[in-house]
Amino acid sequence: LGWCIEWQVQDDYLDWEAVRCADVDEIANTIKERGMNNVLAKRIKDFLNRLVREHGNIDLEWLRDVPPDKAKEYLLSIRGLGLKSVECVRLLTLHHLAFPVDTNVGRIAVRLGWVPLQP
């Protein structure tokens, strides 16, 4: 897959179908510099397979057409994505009203009484 990804990345485009069809070990080897590569490789492959199973292809454009709360719910259902990452996707990609903060900033905002404690 390493050679496959290297050859297929052009203009910031990655052939996600090639990644989906690759062996988990190949994906892990390709992203080994990232750390936690074995865990992440399985999650990536599982998610790509889920997209194809549920939507017929590897395309998230449909998220633009669903209500923001449903998009958030779907993104949070992806194993490995936390609230901050989901809110970043919603704000920067889907252009939803969202305010991503990390855990520490969130704690401080609650302690200062700026926002209520979220369950």
C-alpha atoms as a PDB file:
ATOM      1  CA  LEU A   1       0.000   0.000   0.000  1.00  0.00           C
ATOM      2  CA  GLY A   2       2.890   2.351   0.704  1.00  0.00           C
ATOM      3  CA  TRP A   3       3.775   2.478  -2.962  1.00  0.00           C
ATOM      4  CA  CYS A   4       0.088   2.557  -3.855  1.00  0.00           C
ATOM      5  CA  ILE A   5      -0.578   5.570  -1.642  1.00  0.00           C
ATOM      6  CA  GLU A   6       2.582   7.341  -2.772  1.00  0.00           C
ATOM      7  CA  TRP A   7       1.627   6.942  -6.419  1.00  0.00           C
ATOM      8  CA  GLN A   8      -2.022   7.786  -5.934  1.00  0.00           C
ATOM      9  CA  VAL A   9      -1.607  10.968  -3.894  1.00  0.00           C
ATOM     10  CA  GLN A  10      -1.894  13.848  -6.313  1.00  0.00           C
ATOM     11  CA  ASP A  11      -3.057  17.363  -5.596  1.00  0.00           C
ATOM     12  CA  ASP A  12      -3.890  16.438  -1.982  1.00  0.00           C
ATOM     13  CA  TYR A  13      -6.110  13.592  -3.174  1.00  0.00           C
ATOM     14  CA  LEU A  14      -5.807  10.110  -1.769  1.00  0.00           C
ATOM     15  CA  ASP A  15      -7.467   7.097  -3.343  1.00  0.00           C
ATOM     16  CA  TRP A  16      -9.502   6.016  -0.335  1.00  0.00           C
ATOM     17  CA  GLU A  17     -10.857   3.006  -2.210  1.00  0.00           C
ATOM     18  CA  ALA A  18      -7.274   1.735  -2.536  1.00  0.00           C
ATOM     19  CA  VAL A  19      -6.830   2.260   1.209  1.00  0.00           C
ATOM     20  CA  ARG A  20     -10.099   0.433   1.925  1.00  0.00           C
ATOM     21  CA  CYS A  21      -9.006  -2.546  -0.169  1.00  0.00           C
ATOM     22  CA  ALA A  22      -5.505  -2.666   1.320  1.00  0.00           C
ATOM     23  CA  ASP A  23      -4.446  -5.032   4.076  1.00  0.00           C
ATOM     24  CA  VAL A  24      -4.537  -3.536   7.588  1.00  0.00           C
ATOM     25  CA  ASP A  25      -0.814  -4.251   8.007  1.00  0.00           C
ATOM     26  CA  GLU A  26      -0.036  -2.276   4.844  1.00  0.00           C
ATOM     27  CA  ILE A  27      -2.054   0.682   6.106  1.00  0.00           C
ATOM     28  CA  ALA A  28      -0.336   0.469   9.510  1.00  0.00           C
ATOM     29  CA  ASN A  29       3.098   0.421   7.879  1.00  0.00           C
ATOM     30  CA  THR A  30       2.222   3.442   5.735  1.00  0.00           C
ATOM     31  CA  ILE A  31       1.143   5.538   8.728  1.00  0.00           C
ATOM     32  CA  LYS A  32       3.730   4.227  11.207  1.00  0.00           C
ATOM     33  CA  GLU A  33       5.327   7.664  11.662  1.00  0.00           C
ATOM     34  CA  ARG A  34       2.029   8.887  13.117  1.00  0.00           C
ATOM     35  CA  GLY A  35       2.153   6.557  16.121  1.00  0.00           C
ATOM     36  CA  MET A  36      -0.583   4.161  17.257  1.00  0.00           C
ATOM     37  CA  ASN A  37      -0.492   2.997  13.645  1.00  0.00           C
ATOM     38  CA  ASN A  38      -1.871  -0.500  14.283  1.00  0.00           C
ATOM     39  CA  VAL A  39      -4.940   0.791  16.132  1.00  0.00           C
ATOM     40  CA  LEU A  40      -5.535   3.612  13.665  1.00  0.00           C
ATOM     41  CA  ALA A  41      -5.114   1.384  10.609  1.00  0.00           C
ATOM     42  CA  LYS A  42      -7.885  -0.924  11.787  1.00  0.00           C
ATOM     43  CA  ARG A  43     -10.155   2.023  12.620  1.00  0.00           C
ATOM     44  CA  ILE A  44      -9.552   3.621   9.221  1.00  0.00           C
ATOM     45  CA  LYS A  45     -10.274   0.407   7.355  1.00  0.00           C
ATOM     46  CA  ASP A  46     -13.347  -0.350   9.482  1.00  0.00           C
ATOM     47  CA  PHE A  47     -14.745   3.139   8.887  1.00  0.00           C
ATOM     48  CA  LEU A  48     -14.151   3.036   5.130  1.00  0.00           C
ATOM     49  CA  ASN A  49     -15.889  -0.355   4.971  1.00  0.00           C
ATOM     50  CA  ARG A  50     -18.756   1.022   7.059  1.00  0.00           C
ATOM     51  CA  LEU A  51     -19.212   3.927   4.639  1.00  0.00           C
ATOM     52  CA  VAL A  52     -19.425   1.577   1.667  1.00  0.00           C
ATOM     53  CA  ARG A  53     -21.767  -0.782   3.522  1.00  0.00           C
ATOM     54  CA  GLU A  54     -24.124   2.003   4.680  1.00  0.00           C
ATOM     55  CA  HIS A  55     -23.909   4.467   1.778  1.00  0.00           C
ATOM     56  CA  GLY A  56     -22.571   2.521  -1.183  1.00  0.00           C
ATOM     57  CA  ASN A  57     -19.380   4.564  -1.545  1.00  0.00           C
ATOM     58  CA  ILE A  58     -16.654   6.472   0.260  1.00  0.00           C
ATOM     59  CA  ASP A  59     -18.233   9.903   0.256  1.00  0.00           C
ATOM     60  CA  LEU A  60     -19.235  12.080   3.181  1.00  0.00           C
ATOM     61  CA  GLU A  61     -20.895  14.830   1.146  1.00  0.00           C
ATOM     62  CA  TRP A  62     -24.303  13.609   2.342  1.00  0.00           C
ATOM     63  CA  LEU A  63     -23.420  15.020   5.783  1.00  0.00           C
ATOM     64  CA  ARG A  64     -23.910  18.514   4.332  1.00  0.00           C
ATOM     65  CA  ASP A  65     -27.596  17.727   3.768  1.00  0.00           C
ATOM     66  CA  VAL A  66     -28.523  16.415   7.214  1.00  0.00           C
ATOM     67  CA  PRO A  67     -29.408  18.540  10.261  1.00  0.00           C
ATOM     68  CA  PRO A  68     -26.371  19.609  12.314  1.00  0.00           C
ATOM     69  CA  ASP A  69     -27.355  17.465  15.308  1.00  0.00           C
ATOM     70  CA  LYS A  70     -27.613  14.364  13.093  1.00  0.00           C
ATOM     71  CA  ALA A  71     -24.231  15.107  11.497  1.00  0.00           C
ATOM     72  CA  LYS A  72     -22.716  15.469  14.967  1.00  0.00           C
ATOM     73  CA  GLU A  73     -24.330  12.218  16.105  1.00  0.00           C
ATOM     74  CA  TYR A  74     -22.983  10.361  13.064  1.00  0.00           C
ATOM     75  CA  LEU A  75     -19.473  11.771  13.419  1.00  0.00           C
ATOM     76  CA  LEU A  76     -19.394  10.882  17.121  1.00  0.00           C
ATOM     77  CA  SER A  77     -20.325   7.306  16.204  1.00  0.00           C
ATOM     78  CA  ILE A  78     -17.018   6.932  14.349  1.00  0.00           C
ATOM     79  CA  ARG A  79     -14.660   5.016  16.611  1.00  0.00           C
ATOM     80  CA  GLY A  80     -11.708   7.195  17.575  1.00  0.00           C
ATOM     81  CA  LEU A  81     -13.318  10.581  16.920  1.00  0.00           C
ATOM     82  CA  GLY A  82     -13.893  12.678  20.004  1.00  0.00           C
ATOM     83  CA  LEU A  83     -15.991  15.754  20.541  1.00  0.00           C
ATOM     84  CA  LYS A  84     -13.240  18.243  19.658  1.00  0.00           C
ATOM     85  CA  SER A  85     -12.445  16.517  16.346  1.00  0.00           C
ATOM     86  CA  VAL A  86     -16.134  16.271  15.490  1.00  0.00           C
ATOM     87  CA  GLU A  87     -16.689  19.946  16.268  1.00  0.00           C
ATOM     88  CA  CYS A  88     -13.669  20.864  14.103  1.00  0.00           C
ATOM     89  CA  VAL A  89     -15.145  18.912  11.177  1.00  0.00           C
ATOM     90  CA  ARG A  90     -18.537  20.520  11.718  1.00  0.00           C
ATOM     91  CA  LEU A  91     -17.102  24.050  11.904  1.00  0.00           C
ATOM     92  CA  LEU A  92     -14.404  23.896   9.237  1.00  0.00           C
ATOM     93  CA  THR A  93     -15.858  21.451   6.721  1.00  0.00           C
ATOM     94  CA  LEU A  94     -19.622  21.477   7.159  1.00  0.00           C
ATOM     95  CA  HIS A  95     -19.772  25.172   8.178  1.00  0.00           C
ATOM     96  CA  HIS A  96     -22.028  24.433  11.156  1.00  0.00           C
ATOM     97  CA  LEU A  97     -22.130  26.655  14.206  1.00  0.00           C
ATOM     98  CA  ALA A  98     -19.660  24.891  16.460  1.00  0.00           C
ATOM     99  CA  PHE A  99     -16.985  25.909  18.926  1.00  0.00           C
ATOM    100  CA  PRO A 100     -14.330  23.210  19.272  1.00  0.00           C
ATOM    101  CA  VAL A 101     -12.320  23.292  22.490  1.00  0.00           C
ATOM    102  CA  ASP A 102     -10.007  20.781  24.071  1.00  0.00           C
ATOM    103  CA  THR A 103     -10.677  19.205  27.449  1.00  0.00           C
ATOM    104  CA  ASN A 104      -8.534  21.655  29.401  1.00  0.00           C
ATOM    105  CA  VAL A 105     -10.111  24.774  27.910  1.00  0.00           C
ATOM    106  CA  GLY A 106     -13.547  23.240  28.482  1.00  0.00           C
ATOM    107  CA  ARG A 107     -12.760  22.623  32.161  1.00  0.00           C
ATOM    108  CA  ILE A 108     -11.577  26.187  32.659  1.00  0.00           C
ATOM    109  CA  ALA A 109     -14.678  27.605  30.946  1.00  0.00           C
ATOM    110  CA  VAL A 110     -16.912  25.533  33.271  1.00  0.00           C
ATOM    111  CA  ARG A 111     -14.942  26.547  36.389  1.00  0.00           C
ATOM    112  CA  LEU A 112     -15.225  30.209  35.441  1.00  0.00           C
ATOM    113  CA  GLY A 113     -18.955  29.786  34.929  1.00  0.00           C
ATOM    114  CA  TRP A 114     -18.800  30.764  31.262  1.00  0.00           C
ATOM    115  CA  VAL A 115     -20.621  27.605  30.158  1.00  0.00           C
ATOM    116  CA  PRO A 116     -22.698  24.998  31.985  1.00  0.00           C
ATOM    117  CA  LEU A 117     -21.282  21.561  32.677  1.00  0.00           C
ATOM    118  CA  GLN A 118     -22.057  19.305  29.698  1.00  0.00           C
ATOM    119  CA  PRO A 119     -22.888  15.624  30.303  1.00  0.00           C
END
